[in-house]
C-alpha atoms as a PDB file:
ATOM      1  CA  MET A   1      79.932 110.339 -52.883  1.00  0.00           C
ATOM      2  CA  HIS A   2      83.680 109.279 -53.230  1.00  0.00           C
ATOM      3  CA  GLU A   3      85.347 106.735 -50.762  1.00  0.00           C
ATOM      4  CA  ARG A   4      88.749 108.134 -51.601  1.00  0.00           C
ATOM      5  CA  PRO A   5      88.362 111.291 -53.641  1.00  0.00           C
ATOM      6  CA  THR A   6      91.282 112.414 -56.067  1.00  0.00           C
ATOM      7  CA  THR A   7      92.904 115.742 -55.656  1.00  0.00           C
ATOM      8  CA  HIS A   8      90.574 117.220 -58.353  1.00  0.00           C
ATOM      9  CA  GLN A   9      87.619 115.517 -56.684  1.00  0.00           C
ATOM     10  CA  LEU A  10      88.420 117.157 -53.416  1.00  0.00           C
ATOM     11  CA  ALA A  11      88.934 120.740 -54.823  1.00  0.00           C
ATOM     12  CA  ASP A  12      85.383 120.023 -56.335  1.00  0.00           C
ATOM     13  CA  ILE A  13      83.984 119.136 -53.347  1.00  0.00           C
ATOM     14  CA  ALA A  14      85.312 122.364 -51.529  1.00  0.00           C
ATOM     15  CA  VAL A  15      84.032 124.592 -54.254  1.00  0.00           C
ATOM     16  CA  GLN A  16      80.449 122.930 -53.875  1.00  0.00           C
ATOM     17  CA  ALA A  17      80.439 122.526 -50.243  1.00  0.00           C
ATOM     18  CA  ALA A  18      81.796 126.474 -50.038  1.00  0.00           C
ATOM     19  CA  ALA A  19      78.371 127.452 -52.322  1.00  0.00           C
ATOM     20  CA  LYS A  20      76.394 125.443 -50.363  1.00  0.00           C
ATOM     21  CA  ALA A  21      77.445 127.267 -47.381  1.00  0.00           C
ATOM     22  CA  ARG A  22      76.934 130.545 -49.271  1.00  0.00           C
ATOM     23  CA  GLN A  23      73.301 129.275 -50.146  1.00  0.00           C
ATOM     24  CA  LEU A  24      72.385 128.771 -46.490  1.00  0.00           C
ATOM     25  CA  GLY A  25      73.577 132.562 -45.718  1.00  0.00           C
ATOM     26  CA  HIS A  26      77.084 131.682 -44.009  1.00  0.00           C
ATOM     27  CA  GLU A  27      80.435 133.200 -45.525  1.00  0.00           C
ATOM     28  CA  PRO A  28      82.242 129.944 -46.019  1.00  0.00           C
ATOM     29  CA  ARG A  29      85.765 129.004 -44.561  1.00  0.00           C
ATOM     30  CA  VAL A  30      86.874 125.934 -45.546  1.00  0.00           C
ATOM     31  CA  ALA A  31      89.191 123.518 -44.121  1.00  0.00           C
ATOM     32  CA  LEU A  32      90.960 120.574 -45.655  1.00  0.00           C
ATOM     33  CA  CYS A  33      91.126 118.294 -43.226  1.00  0.00           C
ATOM     34  CA  SER A  34      93.977 115.664 -42.365  1.00  0.00           C
ATOM     35  CA  PHE A  35      95.800 114.490 -39.363  1.00  0.00           C
ATOM     36  CA  SER A  36      98.856 116.618 -39.968  1.00  0.00           C
ATOM     37  CA  SER A  37      98.897 120.241 -40.543  1.00  0.00           C
ATOM     38  CA  PHE A  38     100.581 122.166 -43.050  1.00  0.00           C
ATOM     39  CA  GLY A  39     103.194 119.328 -44.506  1.00  0.00           C
ATOM     40  CA  ASN A  40     104.167 118.317 -41.099  1.00  0.00           C
ATOM     41  CA  THR A  41     104.273 114.715 -42.344  1.00  0.00           C
ATOM     42  CA  GLY A  42     105.115 112.951 -45.386  1.00  0.00           C
ATOM     43  CA  PHE A  43     102.122 110.851 -45.576  1.00  0.00           C
ATOM     44  CA  ALA A  44     100.811 110.529 -49.023  1.00  0.00           C
ATOM     45  CA  ARG A  45      97.044 111.094 -47.943  1.00  0.00           C
ATOM     46  CA  ALA A  46      98.025 114.141 -46.266  1.00  0.00           C
ATOM     47  CA  ALA A  47      99.963 115.194 -49.429  1.00  0.00           C
ATOM     48  CA  GLU A  48      97.023 114.471 -51.158  1.00  0.00           C
ATOM     49  CA  MET A  49      95.001 117.581 -49.279  1.00  0.00           C
ATOM     50  CA  ARG A  50      97.731 119.814 -49.985  1.00  0.00           C
ATOM     51  CA  ALA A  51      97.420 119.042 -53.683  1.00  0.00           C
ATOM     52  CA  ALA A  52      93.739 119.962 -53.075  1.00  0.00           C
ATOM     53  CA  VAL A  53      94.486 122.986 -52.025  1.00  0.00           C
ATOM     54  CA  ALA A  54      97.153 124.243 -54.937  1.00  0.00           C
ATOM     55  CA  GLU A  55      94.166 123.140 -57.028  1.00  0.00           C
ATOM     56  CA  LEU A  56      92.148 125.505 -55.479  1.00  0.00           C
ATOM     57  CA  ASP A  57      95.093 128.262 -55.803  1.00  0.00           C
ATOM     58  CA  ARG A  58      95.017 127.318 -59.351  1.00  0.00           C
ATOM     59  CA  ARG A  59      91.317 127.712 -59.839  1.00  0.00           C
ATOM     60  CA  ASN A  60      91.583 131.185 -58.306  1.00  0.00           C
ATOM     61  CA  VAL A  61      88.000 130.595 -55.946  1.00  0.00           C
ATOM     62  CA  ASP A  62      86.072 133.324 -54.243  1.00  0.00           C
ATOM     63  CA  PHE A  63      86.215 131.720 -50.429  1.00  0.00           C
ATOM     64  CA  GLU A  64      88.825 131.002 -47.712  1.00  0.00           C
ATOM     65  CA  TYR A  65      90.294 127.763 -47.683  1.00  0.00           C
ATOM     66  CA  ASP A  66      93.227 126.608 -46.235  1.00  0.00           C
ATOM     67  CA  GLY A  67      94.932 123.115 -45.642  1.00  0.00           C
ATOM     68  CA  GLU A  68      95.987 120.376 -45.034  1.00  0.00           C
ATOM     69  CA  MET A  69      94.865 120.791 -41.394  1.00  0.00           C
ATOM     70  CA  ALA A  70      94.073 118.897 -38.477  1.00  0.00           C
ATOM     71  CA  ILE A  71      90.489 119.474 -36.856  1.00  0.00           C
ATOM     72  CA  ASP A  72      91.908 121.072 -33.798  1.00  0.00           C
ATOM     73  CA  VAL A  73      93.555 123.795 -36.308  1.00  0.00           C
ATOM     74  CA  ALA A  74      90.367 124.454 -38.232  1.00  0.00           C
ATOM     75  CA  LEU A  75      87.982 124.819 -35.329  1.00  0.00           C
ATOM     76  CA  ASP A  76      90.282 126.360 -32.216  1.00  0.00           C
ATOM     77  CA  PRO A  77      91.564 129.938 -32.619  1.00  0.00           C
ATOM     78  CA  GLU A  78      93.891 129.270 -30.252  1.00  0.00           C
ATOM     79  CA  VAL A  79      95.374 126.342 -31.736  1.00  0.00           C
ATOM     80  CA  ARG A  80      95.380 128.051 -35.306  1.00  0.00           C
ATOM     81  CA  LYS A  81      97.771 131.021 -33.715  1.00  0.00           C
ATOM     82  CA  LEU A  82     100.309 128.275 -34.320  1.00  0.00           C
ATOM     83  CA  TYR A  83     100.441 128.693 -37.705  1.00  0.00           C
ATOM     84  CA  PRO A  84      99.988 132.461 -38.591  1.00  0.00           C
ATOM     85  CA  PHE A  85     100.346 131.905 -41.861  1.00  0.00           C
ATOM     86  CA  CYS A  86      96.755 129.742 -42.084  1.00  0.00           C
ATOM     87  CA  ARG A  87      94.606 131.775 -44.454  1.00  0.00           C
ATOM     88  CA  LEU A  88      91.388 131.546 -42.385  1.00  0.00           C
ATOM     89  CA  SER A  89      90.304 134.538 -40.372  1.00  0.00           C
ATOM     90  CA  GLY A  90      88.302 132.405 -38.009  1.00  0.00           C
ATOM     91  CA  PRO A  91      87.026 128.750 -37.573  1.00  0.00           C
ATOM     92  CA  ALA A  92      86.306 126.911 -40.367  1.00  0.00           C
ATOM     93  CA  ASN A  93      82.475 126.006 -40.918  1.00  0.00           C
ATOM     94  CA  VAL A  94      83.022 123.762 -44.141  1.00  0.00           C
ATOM     95  CA  LEU A  95      85.106 120.885 -43.257  1.00  0.00           C
ATOM     96  CA  ILE A  96      86.307 118.906 -46.211  1.00  0.00           C
ATOM     97  CA  MET A  97      87.648 115.217 -45.321  1.00  0.00           C
ATOM     98  CA  PRO A  98      89.694 112.960 -47.036  1.00  0.00           C
ATOM     99  CA  GLY A  99      87.919 110.192 -47.522  1.00  0.00           C
ATOM    100  CA  LEU A 100      84.206 108.821 -46.795  1.00  0.00           C
ATOM    101  CA  HIS A 101      85.339 107.093 -43.716  1.00  0.00           C
ATOM    102  CA  ALA A 102      86.805 110.113 -41.937  1.00  0.00           C
ATOM    103  CA  ALA A 103      83.628 112.155 -43.355  1.00  0.00           C
ATOM    104  CA  ASN A 104      81.436 110.008 -41.473  1.00  0.00           C
ATOM    105  CA  ILE A 105      83.415 109.289 -38.308  1.00  0.00           C
ATOM    106  CA  GLY A 106      83.537 112.962 -38.020  1.00  0.00           C
ATOM    107  CA  ALA A 107      79.993 113.952 -38.831  1.00  0.00           C
ATOM    108  CA  LYS A 108      78.861 111.574 -35.918  1.00  0.00           C
ATOM    109  CA  LEU A 109      81.442 112.834 -33.561  1.00  0.00           C
ATOM    110  CA  LEU A 110      79.804 116.571 -34.343  1.00  0.00           C
ATOM    111  CA  GLN A 111      76.290 115.167 -33.919  1.00  0.00           C
ATOM    112  CA  GLN A 112      77.447 113.194 -30.844  1.00  0.00           C
ATOM    113  CA  LEU A 113      79.705 116.011 -29.060  1.00  0.00           C
ATOM    114  CA  GLY A 114      78.762 119.318 -30.696  1.00  0.00           C
ATOM    115  CA  ARG A 115      76.901 122.401 -28.894  1.00  0.00           C
ATOM    116  CA  SER A 116      75.419 123.433 -31.836  1.00  0.00           C
ATOM    117  CA  THR A 117      73.157 122.374 -34.619  1.00  0.00           C
ATOM    118  CA  VAL A 118      75.107 120.420 -36.958  1.00  0.00           C
ATOM    119  CA  ILE A 119      73.921 120.279 -40.971  1.00  0.00           C
ATOM    120  CA  GLY A 120      75.458 117.437 -42.971  1.00  0.00           C
ATOM    121  CA  PRO A 121      76.963 115.493 -43.980  1.00  0.00           C
ATOM    122  CA  LEU A 122      74.828 116.998 -47.020  1.00  0.00           C
ATOM    123  CA  LEU A 123      74.580 115.702 -50.579  1.00  0.00           C
ATOM    124  CA  ILE A 124      75.686 117.930 -53.275  1.00  0.00           C
ATOM    125  CA  GLY A 125      76.566 118.145 -57.083  1.00  0.00           C
ATOM    126  CA  LEU A 126      73.725 115.370 -57.916  1.00  0.00           C
ATOM    127  CA  GLY A 127      71.258 115.618 -60.410  1.00  0.00           C
ATOM    128  CA  LYS A 128      68.400 115.569 -58.144  1.00  0.00           C
ATOM    129  CA  PRO A 129      67.925 116.973 -54.696  1.00  0.00           C
ATOM    130  CA  ALA A 130      68.382 114.146 -52.169  1.00  0.00           C
ATOM    131  CA  GLN A 131      69.952 113.654 -48.466  1.00  0.00           C
ATOM    132  CA  ILE A 132      70.537 110.526 -46.418  1.00  0.00           C
ATOM    133  CA  ALA A 133      68.781 110.359 -43.095  1.00  0.00           C
ATOM    134  CA  PRO A 134      70.923 108.150 -41.292  1.00  0.00           C
ATOM    135  CA  LEU A 135      69.702 105.626 -38.318  1.00  0.00           C
ATOM    136  CA  GLY A 136      69.231 107.621 -35.234  1.00  0.00           C
ATOM    137  CA  THR A 137      68.564 110.883 -37.009  1.00  0.00           C
ATOM    138  CA  SER A 138      66.463 113.314 -34.520  1.00  0.00           C
ATOM    139  CA  LEU A 139      63.001 114.863 -35.626  1.00  0.00           C
ATOM    140  CA  SER A 140      64.727 118.248 -36.048  1.00  0.00           C
ATOM    141  CA  GLU A 141      67.572 116.799 -37.820  1.00  0.00           C
ATOM    142  CA  LEU A 142      64.833 115.352 -40.308  1.00  0.00           C
ATOM    143  CA  VAL A 143      63.051 118.480 -40.719  1.00  0.00           C
ATOM    144  CA  ASN A 144      66.407 120.390 -41.395  1.00  0.00           C
ATOM    145  CA  LEU A 145      67.099 117.651 -44.269  1.00  0.00           C
ATOM    146  CA  ALA A 146      63.514 117.902 -45.701  1.00  0.00           C
ATOM    147  CA  ALA A 147      63.713 121.473 -45.599  1.00  0.00           C
ATOM    148  CA  LEU A 148      66.963 121.653 -47.535  1.00  0.00           C
ATOM    149  CA  THR A 149      66.060 118.889 -49.864  1.00  0.00           C
ATOM    150  CA  ALA A 150      62.993 120.947 -51.037  1.00  0.00           C
ATOM    151  CA  HIS A 151      64.593 124.033 -50.908  1.00  0.00           C
ATOM    152  CA  ASP A 152      67.075 122.817 -53.551  1.00  0.00           C
ATOM    153  CA  ALA A 153      64.180 121.298 -55.659  1.00  0.00           C
ATOM    154  CA  ILE A 154      62.225 124.448 -55.766  1.00  0.00           C
ATOM    155  CA  ASN A 155      65.997 126.020 -56.784  1.00  0.00           C
ATOM    156  CA  ALA A 156      66.338 123.533 -59.216  1.00  0.00           C
ATOM    157  CA  GLY A 157      63.241 124.809 -61.297  1.00  0.00           C
END
């Protein structure tokens, strides 16, 4: 967990999150999220998200990704039409946030307002399988976290 990940760490997080999405049976569409979309502000933190996209371009990864983009662009096809150059073929199913603060806020909003099952935030890239069950985690969320952790432990060998 990085409070403010660097450009390279953001790219690493995107790669690991895409691999986890595939492991869970989803073809990843990764959005590197920000308060702005595709350079419409000159703020440094938004530029870092654009730099992470450029880093993924250099790595020639095998999943869809784009950014920096606001959440509505990432999730709403009608809003995304305003950006015809966006490389995502559909709504993002992996959201990469610019920092721990945004990730925590975003995850809690999705859990409170979402109309579907939210899996995450997930801890990935650790030496041993582990997950965090925040205060207020429901029974079904606990079961999901336990199953994911057991699955990771079995696959770790």
